[in-house]
Protein backbone atom coordinates (compact mmCIF):
# COMPACT_ATOMS: atom_id res chain seq x y z
CA MET A 1 15.47 21.45 -4.36
CA ILE A 2 13.26 18.60 -2.41
CA ASP A 3 9.94 19.49 -3.98
CA ASN A 4 10.99 21.35 -7.59
CA PRO A 5 9.11 19.60 -10.06
CA GLN A 6 11.96 19.88 -12.62
CA ALA A 7 13.94 17.59 -10.54
CA VAL A 8 11.24 15.75 -9.83
CA LEU A 9 10.56 14.77 -13.43
CA LYS A 10 14.11 14.03 -13.89
CA ASP A 11 14.70 12.01 -10.71
CA ALA A 12 11.27 9.91 -12.22
CA GLU A 13 13.41 9.58 -15.68
CA ILE A 14 16.13 8.33 -14.27
CA LYS A 15 14.23 5.67 -12.71
CA ARG A 16 12.62 4.28 -15.48
CA SER A 17 15.84 4.14 -17.39
CA ARG A 18 16.91 1.91 -14.92
CA ILE A 19 13.59 -0.25 -14.88
CA ARG A 20 13.91 -0.27 -18.91
CA GLU A 21 17.91 -1.18 -18.49
CA TYR A 22 16.81 -4.17 -15.62
CA LEU A 23 14.15 -5.40 -18.49
CA SER A 24 16.79 -5.49 -21.64
CA LEU A 25 19.62 -7.10 -19.25
CA ASN A 26 16.81 -10.05 -17.98
CA ASN A 27 15.14 -10.67 -21.50
CA LEU A 28 11.74 -9.09 -19.86
CA ASP A 29 8.98 -7.35 -21.37
CA GLY A 30 7.61 -5.18 -18.56
CA VAL A 31 7.16 -4.78 -15.01
CA VAL A 32 4.43 -4.29 -12.40
CA ILE A 33 5.31 -2.27 -9.72
CA THR A 34 2.62 -1.98 -6.71
CA THR A 35 4.42 -1.82 -3.30
CA ARG A 36 4.30 1.82 -1.83
CA GLU A 37 8.66 1.84 -1.17
CA ASN A 38 8.59 0.88 -4.95
CA PHE A 39 5.88 3.18 -6.03
CA ALA A 40 7.49 6.23 -4.24
CA TRP A 41 10.98 5.66 -5.68
CA LEU A 42 9.92 4.92 -9.53
CA THR A 43 8.01 8.50 -9.13
CA GLY A 44 10.37 10.45 -7.81
CA GLY A 45 8.11 10.25 -4.40
CA GLY A 46 4.75 9.41 -5.40
CA ASP A 47 2.55 8.24 -3.17
CA ASN A 48 -0.04 5.27 -3.87
CA HIS A 49 -1.40 4.37 -0.74
CA VAL A 50 -4.98 5.06 0.37
CA THR A 51 -4.90 2.57 3.46
CA TYR A 52 -1.85 2.15 6.15
CA PRO A 53 -1.97 -1.88 7.27
CA THR A 54 -0.45 -2.87 3.81
CA ASN A 55 2.27 -1.80 1.92
CA ILE A 56 0.46 -3.06 -1.63
CA GLY A 57 -0.60 0.29 -2.58
CA PHE A 58 -4.05 1.45 -4.66
CA GLY A 59 -2.29 2.09 -8.09
CA ALA A 60 0.26 -0.14 -10.24
CA ALA A 61 2.78 1.32 -12.14
CA VAL A 62 3.45 -0.72 -15.69
CA ILE A 63 6.97 -0.26 -17.12
CA THR A 64 7.33 -1.84 -20.87
CA ARG A 65 10.34 -1.22 -22.98
CA ASP A 66 8.80 1.65 -24.78
CA GLY A 67 5.87 2.91 -22.18
CA GLN A 68 4.44 3.76 -19.00
CA TYR A 69 0.57 3.31 -17.62
CA LEU A 70 -0.89 3.22 -14.39
CA VAL A 71 -3.52 1.11 -13.54
CA ALA A 72 -6.22 1.73 -10.53
CA HIS A 73 -9.43 1.21 -9.80
CA THR A 74 -11.95 3.95 -10.95
CA MET A 75 -11.88 5.92 -7.79
CA ASP A 76 -7.84 6.53 -7.24
CA ALA A 77 -6.64 6.56 -11.00
CA LYS A 78 -7.49 10.01 -11.82
CA ARG A 79 -6.32 11.37 -8.57
CA LEU A 80 -2.76 9.51 -8.91
CA VAL A 81 -1.90 10.40 -12.29
CA GLU A 82 -2.56 13.81 -11.48
CA GLU A 83 -1.59 14.43 -8.34
CA GLN A 84 1.06 11.57 -7.79
CA LEU A 85 2.57 11.24 -11.57
CA THR A 86 2.53 14.72 -12.54
CA GLY A 87 4.09 15.65 -15.66
CA GLN A 88 5.30 12.06 -16.07
CA GLY A 89 3.82 10.82 -19.01
CA TYR A 90 2.08 7.76 -17.36
CA GLU A 91 -1.14 6.39 -19.32
CA MET A 92 -3.81 6.42 -17.38
CA VAL A 93 -5.77 2.39 -17.19
CA PRO A 94 -8.77 2.65 -15.03
CA ILE A 95 -10.99 -0.37 -13.83
CA TYR A 96 -14.12 -0.24 -12.29
CA TRP A 97 -14.26 -1.96 -8.33
CA TYR A 98 -15.89 -5.40 -9.58
CA GLU A 99 -13.96 -6.03 -12.30
CA GLY A 100 -10.56 -7.48 -9.62
CA ASP A 101 -7.07 -6.34 -8.57
CA ILE A 102 -5.44 -3.67 -10.16
CA ARG A 103 -2.44 -6.31 -10.62
CA SER A 104 -4.49 -9.01 -12.63
CA LYS A 105 -5.16 -5.94 -15.35
CA ALA A 106 -1.58 -4.74 -15.10
CA ILE A 107 -0.44 -7.96 -16.04
CA GLU A 108 -2.64 -7.77 -19.31
CA ILE A 109 -0.97 -4.94 -20.56
CA ALA A 110 2.69 -5.38 -19.29
CA GLY A 111 3.97 -8.32 -22.17
CA ASP A 112 4.15 -11.65 -22.39
CA ARG A 113 7.71 -11.92 -20.24
CA ILE A 114 6.91 -10.04 -17.19
CA ALA A 115 8.23 -9.66 -13.56
CA SER A 116 6.56 -7.88 -10.02
CA ASP A 117 7.37 -6.25 -6.98
CA THR A 118 4.80 -8.49 -5.52
CA ALA A 119 4.14 -12.12 -5.45
CA LEU A 120 1.43 -12.83 -8.20
CA PRO A 121 0.65 -16.48 -9.96
CA SER A 122 3.10 -17.37 -13.11
CA VAL A 123 4.63 -14.16 -12.60
CA LYS A 124 8.69 -13.78 -11.67
CA GLU A 125 9.01 -12.13 -8.25
CA ILE A 126 11.87 -9.55 -8.31
CA TYR A 127 10.91 -7.39 -5.04
CA MET A 128 14.91 -7.25 -4.07
CA ASP A 129 16.03 -6.52 -7.34
CA ILE A 130 13.82 -3.40 -7.37
CA VAL A 131 15.42 -2.56 -4.24
CA ASP A 132 18.75 -2.63 -5.62
CA LEU A 133 17.95 -0.35 -7.73
CA HIS A 134 17.41 2.01 -5.35
CA TYR A 135 21.05 2.41 -4.96
CA PRO A 136 22.86 4.79 -5.72
CA MET A 137 20.54 7.77 -4.71
CA SER A 138 20.08 10.78 -6.31
CA GLU A 139 21.09 14.24 -6.05
CA LEU A 140 17.28 14.57 -5.30
CA GLU A 141 16.87 11.79 -2.85
CA ILE A 142 20.38 12.81 -1.00
CA ALA A 143 18.51 16.15 -0.37
CA ARG A 144 15.43 14.95 0.92
CA LEU A 145 17.21 12.51 3.54
CA ARG A 146 19.06 15.05 4.75
CA TRP A 147 16.32 17.27 5.40
CA LEU A 148 14.04 14.56 6.74
CA ALA A 149 17.15 13.53 9.36
CA THR A 150 17.43 17.03 10.64
CA VAL A 151 13.61 17.38 10.97
CA THR A 152 13.32 14.04 12.65
CA ASP A 153 16.46 15.13 14.76
CA ASP A 154 14.98 18.35 16.08
CA ILE A 155 11.46 16.56 16.87
CA PHE A 156 13.49 14.14 19.72
CA SER A 157 15.48 16.97 20.96
CA SER A 158 12.47 19.35 21.56
CA LEU A 159 10.47 16.31 22.95
CA ALA A 160 13.19 15.05 25.05
CA ARG A 161 13.52 18.24 26.87
CA SER A 162 9.46 18.80 27.76
CA VAL A 163 8.67 15.20 28.76
CA TYR A 164 8.97 14.47 32.45
CA PRO A 165 9.00 11.28 35.29
CA GLY A 166 5.35 10.57 35.64
CA MET A 167 3.96 10.67 31.94
CA THR A 168 3.06 7.46 30.86
CA GLU A 169 4.63 5.79 27.67
CA LYS A 170 1.37 6.10 25.75
CA GLU A 171 1.34 9.78 27.03
CA ILE A 172 4.87 10.38 25.20
CA GLU A 173 3.88 8.37 22.27
CA ALA A 174 0.99 10.47 21.44
CA ARG A 175 3.40 13.74 21.75
CA LEU A 176 6.12 12.24 19.55
CA TRP A 177 3.63 11.05 16.87
CA ASN A 178 2.19 14.55 17.12
CA LEU A 179 5.02 16.30 16.19
CA HIS A 180 5.81 14.34 13.38
CA THR A 181 2.30 14.87 11.88
CA MET A 182 2.89 18.51 12.69
CA ASN A 183 6.17 18.83 10.43
CA GLY A 184 4.47 16.99 7.75
CA LEU A 185 5.72 13.48 8.53
CA GLU A 186 4.52 9.98 8.57
CA ILE A 187 5.35 7.02 11.06
CA ASP A 188 5.35 3.64 9.84
CA GLY A 189 6.94 3.00 13.53
CA ILE A 190 7.25 3.92 16.67
CA ILE A 191 8.72 2.93 20.28
CA VAL A 192 8.45 4.37 23.58
CA GLY A 193 9.44 2.08 26.36
CA SER A 194 10.89 3.38 29.82
CA ASP A 195 12.65 1.90 33.05
CA GLU A 196 12.78 -2.03 33.19
CA ARG A 197 11.08 -2.72 30.11
CA CYS A 198 14.16 -1.21 28.06
CA PHE A 199 15.87 -3.92 29.76
CA GLN A 200 13.02 -6.81 29.21
CA TYR A 201 12.37 -6.23 25.38
CA ARG A 202 14.02 -5.07 22.44
CA HIS A 203 10.89 -3.41 21.49
CA PRO A 204 9.40 -2.21 24.44
CA ILE A 205 6.33 -0.27 22.85
CA ALA A 206 4.23 1.80 24.47
CA THR A 207 2.23 1.16 27.81
CA ASN A 208 0.33 2.78 30.54
CA LYS A 209 2.95 2.25 32.53
CA PRO A 210 4.55 6.11 34.39
CA LEU A 211 8.15 6.99 33.24
CA ASP A 212 10.55 6.92 36.10
CA LYS A 213 14.05 7.88 35.34
CA TYR A 214 15.10 5.96 31.54
CA LEU A 215 13.53 6.84 28.48
CA MET A 216 13.61 4.88 25.07
CA LEU A 217 12.86 6.87 22.10
CA HIS A 218 12.50 5.49 18.31
CA SER A 219 10.60 6.41 15.39
CA VAL A 220 10.56 5.40 11.64
CA ALA A 221 9.57 8.45 9.76
CA ARG A 222 8.50 8.95 6.28
CA LYS A 223 8.37 11.44 3.90
CA TRP A 224 8.74 11.07 0.11
CA GLY A 225 8.48 7.21 0.56
CA LEU A 226 11.82 7.70 2.40
CA HIS A 227 12.69 6.80 5.74
CA CYS A 228 14.85 8.06 8.61
CA ASN A 229 15.28 5.82 11.81
CA LEU A 230 15.99 7.50 14.88
CA THR A 231 16.92 6.16 18.16
CA ARG A 232 17.51 8.42 21.45
CA PHE A 233 17.64 7.89 25.29
CA VAL A 234 16.49 10.30 27.95
CA HIS A 235 17.69 9.64 31.60
CA PHE A 236 16.34 11.61 34.95
CA GLY A 237 19.12 11.86 37.50
CA ALA A 238 22.29 9.69 38.10
CA ILE A 239 22.64 7.08 35.81
CA SER A 240 23.39 3.72 36.94
CA LYS A 241 26.41 1.68 36.18
CA GLU A 242 24.36 -0.92 34.04
CA VAL A 243 23.01 1.61 31.94
CA GLU A 244 26.36 3.59 31.21
CA ARG A 245 27.96 -0.06 30.93
CA VAL A 246 25.37 -1.17 28.20
CA TYR A 247 25.29 2.35 26.40
CA ASP A 248 28.97 2.61 26.45
CA CYS A 249 29.16 -0.41 24.39
CA ALA A 250 26.42 0.24 21.89
CA ALA A 251 27.85 3.76 21.23
CA ASN A 252 31.64 2.19 20.85
CA VAL A 253 30.43 -0.41 18.38
CA GLU A 254 28.28 1.95 16.20
CA ALA A 255 31.32 4.47 16.39
CA MET A 256 33.69 1.93 14.87
CA VAL A 257 31.01 0.91 12.20
CA PHE A 258 30.96 4.63 11.36
CA GLN A 259 34.82 4.74 11.33
CA THR A 260 35.27 1.85 9.12
CA ILE A 261 32.31 1.40 6.42
CA GLN A 262 33.66 2.54 3.18
CA PRO A 263 32.80 2.03 -0.52
CA GLY A 264 33.13 -1.34 -2.05
CA MET A 265 33.12 -2.92 1.68
CA LYS A 266 30.91 -6.18 1.70
CA PHE A 267 27.85 -5.94 4.45
CA SER A 268 28.79 -9.46 5.71
CA GLU A 269 31.99 -7.96 6.91
CA ILE A 270 30.77 -5.17 8.48
CA LEU A 271 28.72 -7.99 10.60
CA THR A 272 31.48 -9.71 11.24
CA ASN A 273 33.25 -6.65 12.86
CA GLN A 274 30.32 -5.90 14.65
CA LYS A 275 30.41 -9.76 16.51
CA GLU A 276 33.62 -8.92 17.32
CA TRP A 277 33.73 -5.55 18.56
CA TYR A 278 30.64 -6.43 21.00
CA ALA A 279 32.73 -9.29 22.59
CA GLU A 280 35.37 -6.99 23.29
CA PHE A 281 33.15 -4.78 25.25
CA GLY A 282 31.86 -8.03 27.26
CA PHE A 283 28.77 -8.52 25.35
CA ASP A 284 29.46 -11.48 23.02
CA GLY A 285 26.47 -13.08 21.22
CA GLU A 286 24.32 -9.73 21.74
CA TRP A 287 24.40 -9.01 17.79
CA LYS A 288 22.01 -12.12 17.68
CA TYR A 289 19.06 -10.90 19.54
CA HIS A 290 18.07 -8.24 16.83
CA PHE A 291 19.35 -7.55 13.15
CA GLN A 292 21.87 -5.17 13.33
CA GLY A 293 20.93 -2.97 10.50
CA GLY A 294 21.66 -2.05 6.56
CA PRO A 295 20.64 0.34 3.88
CA THR A 296 17.46 2.04 4.38
CA GLY A 297 15.55 4.98 2.10
CA TYR A 298 12.60 3.52 0.68
CA VAL A 299 12.53 0.37 2.63
CA ILE A 300 12.56 0.87 6.48
CA ALA A 301 16.13 -1.21 6.77
CA ASP A 302 17.49 -4.21 4.48
CA GLY A 303 18.55 -5.80 7.95
CA GLY A 304 19.14 -9.32 5.83
CA ARG A 305 22.11 -7.43 3.64
CA SER A 306 24.43 -8.23 6.45
CA LEU A 307 24.43 -11.91 5.15
CA THR A 308 25.27 -11.28 2.18
CA GLU A 309 28.09 -10.32 -0.35
CA LYS A 310 26.41 -6.89 -1.45
CA LYS A 311 28.74 -3.87 -1.24
CA VAL A 312 28.51 -0.86 0.44
CA GLN A 313 28.06 2.24 -2.35
CA ILE A 314 28.35 5.95 -2.59
CA ASN A 315 25.14 7.70 -2.16
CA GLN A 316 23.92 5.14 -0.05
CA PRO A 317 21.88 5.45 3.44
CA PHE A 318 22.17 3.14 5.95
CA GLU A 319 20.24 2.39 9.46
CA TRP A 320 22.80 0.89 11.88
CA PHE A 321 20.36 -1.01 14.91
CA ILE A 322 23.15 -1.45 17.42
CA THR A 323 21.36 -3.36 20.60
CA VAL A 324 22.61 -4.15 23.63
CA THR A 325 20.22 -5.61 26.27
CA GLY A 326 18.60 -2.45 27.83
CA THR A 327 19.78 -0.07 24.99
CA LYS A 328 20.59 0.84 21.45
CA THR A 329 21.70 3.17 19.17
CA GLY A 330 20.17 4.07 15.30
CA GLU A 331 20.82 7.12 13.28
CA LEU A 332 20.32 7.68 9.60
CA SER A 333 23.96 8.22 8.15
CA ILE A 334 24.73 8.52 3.94
CA MET A 335 27.74 7.10 2.39
CA THR A 336 28.76 10.27 0.30
CA GLU A 337 31.76 11.09 -2.15
CA GLU A 338 33.71 12.81 0.77
CA GLY A 339 33.05 9.76 3.21
CA LEU A 340 30.29 8.69 6.13
CA GLU A 341 27.97 11.52 6.77
CA ILE A 342 25.94 11.18 10.04
CA SER A 343 23.15 12.58 8.74
CA SER A 344 20.54 12.82 11.47
CA PHE A 345 23.37 14.61 14.06
CA LEU A 346 24.95 17.00 11.76
CA LYS A 347 23.07 20.11 12.74
CA SER A 348 21.89 18.54 16.04
CA SER A 349 21.13 20.56 19.72
CA TRP A 350 21.31 16.97 20.94
CA PRO A 351 24.24 15.74 23.23
CA GLY A 352 27.40 14.51 21.87
CA ARG A 353 29.58 11.58 23.34
CA THR A 354 33.28 11.53 21.91
CA ILE A 355 34.25 8.07 21.73
CA LYS A 356 37.89 7.11 21.21
CA THR A 357 38.91 3.62 19.42
CA ARG A 358 41.70 2.16 17.32
CA PHE A 359 40.43 4.00 14.34
CA GLY A 360 40.11 7.36 15.34
CA GLU A 361 38.01 9.79 17.53
CA ILE A 362 34.51 10.60 16.89
CA ILE A 363 31.34 11.80 18.39
CA VAL A 364 28.01 9.99 18.48
CA PRO A 365 25.18 10.76 20.07
CA ASP A 366 24.75 10.72 24.07
CA ILE A 367 22.19 9.80 25.99
CA LEU A 368 20.33 13.20 27.04
CA ARG A 369 21.00 13.86 30.65
CA ARG A 370 17.91 15.84 32.74
């Protein structure tokens, strides 16, 4: 199902309907979609990128109340329509490179009252409104997220059992990156840090330091525009009391988030709970030093949503960044009709840790010990 052409067309039609309903409710004639994440959402997984250092794509989708257009420079327009928008009924609007920004042309054809997911002169910017339209995720998107979570977990499980002390963080990073590429995944972020650097920095980006005992692995995997953020730890030899203490806190806070989250719950309430739970385990204030997570999917993680009154929805994926100085947890989870699913740990060979809280018992990923 994850690559079925008919499923993609159905999914893209759902997205255009949501956009057109938004246009009607907000008295708009059209919207210009250019960011990679929103373009992928709108088109059932289409990709408008050429270069990586920006999330502004090389094709702008224009949705009006009764039409849809793809504006791009001549070097990209035909490819985007034929390979990324197959069968979706977009009218191709090519312009030459010397005629300027594709968004300027997109504005011309979007109508009089228009909006955009990027900041443009005299145009209403609605990036976060579009992100809100991402949820609830469709049947196709949920199937893709589960696949992505399983593959990413397999990559981490394989790598963690093949690395060894003495390898540099850069060498481990290269292996992790290559495994993603070999499995057809892109990476939007990667962190490989070891030993004391895990305690010194929240984001210990890889250096030439050799691994001794304690290894942090993190990647932001992307496919079809969707993301799986995964964080796992590996330890060689006996684990110190300090590592055990910080990981026990992170695992317990993570477990309680998993146990208590439910549809209709305010994201601000989740953050309030996290603050209390950090304090219970002797780490009062740790929540301040890293955003605590939120919905994921086409956006890497909407960490700011925990500062709002927006509510948890069915078929919404999450990444909770539970961080304590020295460690961190992070799994892809999805709120389904049956309850919360830890998608990146469903079929895992990674060792689990049984956590017992006042909310019940749950198994979450442990430190992999070697």
